[in-house]
Amino acid sequence: MLDLHNGRIFGGFGVFLIDAAAVLFLILAVTGVWMWARSRS
């Protein structure tokens, strides 16, 4: 289960893929909060 969560089950590319997905989720969260804050003002 840990290898699947880390992306190691897919080798080196899987780790990169999981890291890229994490960065995209962070960007999605930040832009969501930013858009929500803009709509409140």
PDB file of N, CA and C in Angstrom:
ATOM      1  N   MET A   1       0.817  -1.188   0.000  1.00  0.00           N
ATOM      2  CA  MET A   1       0.000   0.000   0.000  1.00  0.00           C
ATOM      3  C   MET A   1       0.869   1.263   0.000  1.00  0.00           C
ATOM      4  N   LEU A   2       1.974   1.224   0.717  1.00  0.00           N
ATOM      5  CA  LEU A   2       2.856   2.389   0.764  1.00  0.00           C
ATOM      6  C   LEU A   2       3.480   2.667  -0.603  1.00  0.00           C
ATOM      7  N   ASP A   3       3.880   1.610  -1.313  1.00  0.00           N
ATOM      8  CA  ASP A   3       4.454   1.815  -2.643  1.00  0.00           C
ATOM      9  C   ASP A   3       3.435   2.418  -3.603  1.00  0.00           C
ATOM     10  N   LEU A   4       2.197   2.026  -3.485  1.00  0.00           N
ATOM     11  CA  LEU A   4       1.154   2.601  -4.328  1.00  0.00           C
ATOM     12  C   LEU A   4       0.946   4.074  -3.991  1.00  0.00           C
ATOM     13  N   HIS A   5       0.959   4.402  -2.717  1.00  0.00           N
ATOM     14  CA  HIS A   5       0.756   5.785  -2.281  1.00  0.00           C
ATOM     15  C   HIS A   5       1.929   6.670  -2.688  1.00  0.00           C
ATOM     16  N   ASN A   6       3.142   6.149  -2.642  1.00  0.00           N
ATOM     17  CA  ASN A   6       4.330   6.920  -3.016  1.00  0.00           C
ATOM     18  C   ASN A   6       4.513   7.032  -4.518  1.00  0.00           C
ATOM     19  N   GLY A   7       3.876   6.153  -5.263  1.00  0.00           N
ATOM     20  CA  GLY A   7       4.069   6.123  -6.695  1.00  0.00           C
ATOM     21  C   GLY A   7       5.213   5.218  -7.106  1.00  0.00           C
ATOM     22  N   ARG A   8       5.851   4.563  -6.152  1.00  0.00           N
ATOM     23  CA  ARG A   8       6.990   3.696  -6.467  1.00  0.00           C
ATOM     24  C   ARG A   8       6.567   2.448  -7.220  1.00  0.00           C
ATOM     25  N   ILE A   9       5.291   2.124  -7.200  1.00  0.00           N
ATOM     26  CA  ILE A   9       4.821   0.943  -7.922  1.00  0.00           C
ATOM     27  C   ILE A   9       5.007   1.117  -9.429  1.00  0.00           C
ATOM     28  N   PHE A  10       5.095   2.359  -9.896  1.00  0.00           N
ATOM     29  CA  PHE A  10       5.297   2.650 -11.315  1.00  0.00           C
ATOM     30  C   PHE A  10       6.736   3.019 -11.625  1.00  0.00           C
ATOM     31  N   GLY A  11       7.633   2.900 -10.669  1.00  0.00           N
ATOM     32  CA  GLY A  11       9.038   3.240 -10.881  1.00  0.00           C
ATOM     33  C   GLY A  11       9.289   4.728 -10.710  1.00  0.00           C
ATOM     34  N   GLY A  12      10.350   5.200 -11.327  1.00  0.00           N
ATOM     35  CA  GLY A  12      10.743   6.610 -11.190  1.00  0.00           C
ATOM     36  C   GLY A  12       9.707   7.565 -11.752  1.00  0.00           C
ATOM     37  N   PHE A  13       9.066   7.160 -12.841  1.00  0.00           N
ATOM     38  CA  PHE A  13       8.049   8.027 -13.433  1.00  0.00           C
ATOM     39  C   PHE A  13       6.847   8.176 -12.507  1.00  0.00           C
ATOM     40  N   GLY A  14       6.514   7.135 -11.765  1.00  0.00           N
ATOM     41  CA  GLY A  14       5.376   7.197 -10.844  1.00  0.00           C
ATOM     42  C   GLY A  14       5.589   8.196  -9.726  1.00  0.00           C
ATOM     43  N   VAL A  15       6.809   8.264  -9.216  1.00  0.00           N
ATOM     44  CA  VAL A  15       7.123   9.243  -8.164  1.00  0.00           C
ATOM     45  C   VAL A  15       6.947  10.649  -8.715  1.00  0.00           C
ATOM     46  N   PHE A  16       7.445  10.884  -9.931  1.00  0.00           N
ATOM     47  CA  PHE A  16       7.275  12.191 -10.566  1.00  0.00           C
ATOM     48  C   PHE A  16       5.797  12.498 -10.781  1.00  0.00           C
ATOM     49  N   LEU A  17       5.036  11.507 -11.188  1.00  0.00           N
ATOM     50  CA  LEU A  17       3.610  11.698 -11.439  1.00  0.00           C
ATOM     51  C   LEU A  17       2.855  12.058 -10.155  1.00  0.00           C
ATOM     52  N   ILE A  18       3.160  11.380  -9.068  1.00  0.00           N
ATOM     53  CA  ILE A  18       2.520  11.665  -7.788  1.00  0.00           C
ATOM     54  C   ILE A  18       2.905  13.064  -7.305  1.00  0.00           C
ATOM     55  N   ASP A  19       4.180  13.446  -7.462  1.00  0.00           N
ATOM     56  CA  ASP A  19       4.626  14.790  -7.075  1.00  0.00           C
ATOM     57  C   ASP A  19       3.930  15.859  -7.913  1.00  0.00           C
ATOM     58  N   ALA A  20       3.800  15.620  -9.209  1.00  0.00           N
ATOM     59  CA  ALA A  20       3.128  16.582 -10.084  1.00  0.00           C
ATOM     60  C   ALA A  20       1.652  16.711  -9.704  1.00  0.00           C
ATOM     61  N   ALA A  21       1.011  15.602  -9.374  1.00  0.00           N
ATOM     62  CA  ALA A  21      -0.389  15.650  -8.957  1.00  0.00           C
ATOM     63  C   ALA A  21      -0.536  16.437  -7.659  1.00  0.00           C
ATOM     64  N   ALA A  22       0.399  16.271  -6.735  1.00  0.00           N
ATOM     65  CA  ALA A  22       0.348  17.010  -5.470  1.00  0.00           C
ATOM     66  C   ALA A  22       0.485  18.511  -5.710  1.00  0.00           C
ATOM     67  N   VAL A  23       1.387  18.897  -6.593  1.00  0.00           N
ATOM     68  CA  VAL A  23       1.565  20.323  -6.910  1.00  0.00           C
ATOM     69  C   VAL A  23       0.297  20.873  -7.561  1.00  0.00           C
ATOM     70  N   LEU A  24      -0.305  20.110  -8.461  1.00  0.00           N
ATOM     71  CA  LEU A  24      -1.534  20.571  -9.105  1.00  0.00           C
ATOM     72  C   LEU A  24      -2.678  20.717  -8.107  1.00  0.00           C
ATOM     73  N   PHE A  25      -2.775  19.788  -7.157  1.00  0.00           N
ATOM     74  CA  PHE A  25      -3.809  19.899  -6.128  1.00  0.00           C
ATOM     75  C   PHE A  25      -3.589  21.124  -5.241  1.00  0.00           C
ATOM     76  N   LEU A  26      -2.326  21.437  -4.939  1.00  0.00           N
ATOM     77  CA  LEU A  26      -2.037  22.637  -4.153  1.00  0.00           C
ATOM     78  C   LEU A  26      -2.421  23.898  -4.923  1.00  0.00           C
ATOM     79  N   ILE A  27      -2.105  23.929  -6.205  1.00  0.00           N
ATOM     80  CA  ILE A  27      -2.476  25.082  -7.029  1.00  0.00           C
ATOM     81  C   ILE A  27      -3.992  25.211  -7.096  1.00  0.00           C
ATOM     82  N   LEU A  28      -4.683  24.101  -7.244  1.00  0.00           N
ATOM     83  CA  LEU A  28      -6.144  24.114  -7.282  1.00  0.00           C
ATOM     84  C   LEU A  28      -6.728  24.652  -5.976  1.00  0.00           C
ATOM     85  N   ALA A  29      -6.168  24.244  -4.856  1.00  0.00           N
ATOM     86  CA  ALA A  29      -6.653  24.717  -3.560  1.00  0.00           C
ATOM     87  C   ALA A  29      -6.403  26.215  -3.385  1.00  0.00           C
ATOM     88  N   VAL A  30      -5.209  26.674  -3.754  1.00  0.00           N
ATOM     89  CA  VAL A  30      -4.876  28.095  -3.601  1.00  0.00           C
ATOM     90  C   VAL A  30      -5.747  28.957  -4.499  1.00  0.00           C
ATOM     91  N   THR A  31      -5.933  28.554  -5.753  1.00  0.00           N
ATOM     92  CA  THR A  31      -6.765  29.354  -6.643  1.00  0.00           C
ATOM     93  C   THR A  31      -8.233  29.321  -6.218  1.00  0.00           C
ATOM     94  N   GLY A  32      -8.674  28.230  -5.636  1.00  0.00           N
ATOM     95  CA  GLY A  32     -10.051  28.168  -5.134  1.00  0.00           C
ATOM     96  C   GLY A  32     -10.278  29.141  -3.989  1.00  0.00           C
ATOM     97  N   VAL A  33      -9.340  29.190  -3.062  1.00  0.00           N
ATOM     98  CA  VAL A  33      -9.449  30.140  -1.947  1.00  0.00           C
ATOM     99  C   VAL A  33      -9.357  31.566  -2.464  1.00  0.00           C
ATOM    100  N   TRP A  34      -8.484  31.796  -3.435  1.00  0.00           N
ATOM    101  CA  TRP A  34      -8.322  33.134  -4.000  1.00  0.00           C
ATOM    102  C   TRP A  34      -9.617  33.588  -4.681  1.00  0.00           C
ATOM    103  N   MET A  35     -10.227  32.715  -5.468  1.00  0.00           N
ATOM    104  CA  MET A  35     -11.482  33.073  -6.145  1.00  0.00           C
ATOM    105  C   MET A  35     -12.607  33.279  -5.148  1.00  0.00           C
ATOM    106  N   TRP A  36     -12.650  32.466  -4.099  1.00  0.00           N
ATOM    107  CA  TRP A  36     -13.671  32.622  -3.068  1.00  0.00           C
ATOM    108  C   TRP A  36     -13.509  33.963  -2.344  1.00  0.00           C
ATOM    109  N   ALA A  37     -12.258  34.325  -2.026  1.00  0.00           N
ATOM    110  CA  ALA A  37     -12.006  35.589  -1.328  1.00  0.00           C
ATOM    111  C   ALA A  37     -12.349  36.786  -2.215  1.00  0.00           C
ATOM    112  N   ARG A  38     -12.078  36.687  -3.507  1.00  0.00           N
ATOM    113  CA  ARG A  38     -12.425  37.787  -4.420  1.00  0.00           C
ATOM    114  C   ARG A  38     -13.918  37.962  -4.551  1.00  0.00           C
ATOM    115  N   SER A  39     -14.681  36.868  -4.505  1.00  0.00           N
ATOM    116  CA  SER A  39     -16.129  36.970  -4.661  1.00  0.00           C
ATOM    117  C   SER A  39     -16.807  37.537  -3.408  1.00  0.00           C
ATOM    118  N   ARG A  40     -16.145  37.469  -2.274  1.00  0.00           N
ATOM    119  CA  ARG A  40     -16.730  37.987  -1.040  1.00  0.00           C
ATOM    120  C   ARG A  40     -16.582  39.482  -0.906  1.00  0.00           C
ATOM    121  N   SER A  41     -15.658  40.081  -1.659  1.00  0.00           N
ATOM    122  CA  SER A  41     -15.423  41.531  -1.504  1.00  0.00           C
ATOM    123  C   SER A  41     -16.171  42.345  -2.529  1.00  0.00           C
TER     124      SER A  41
END
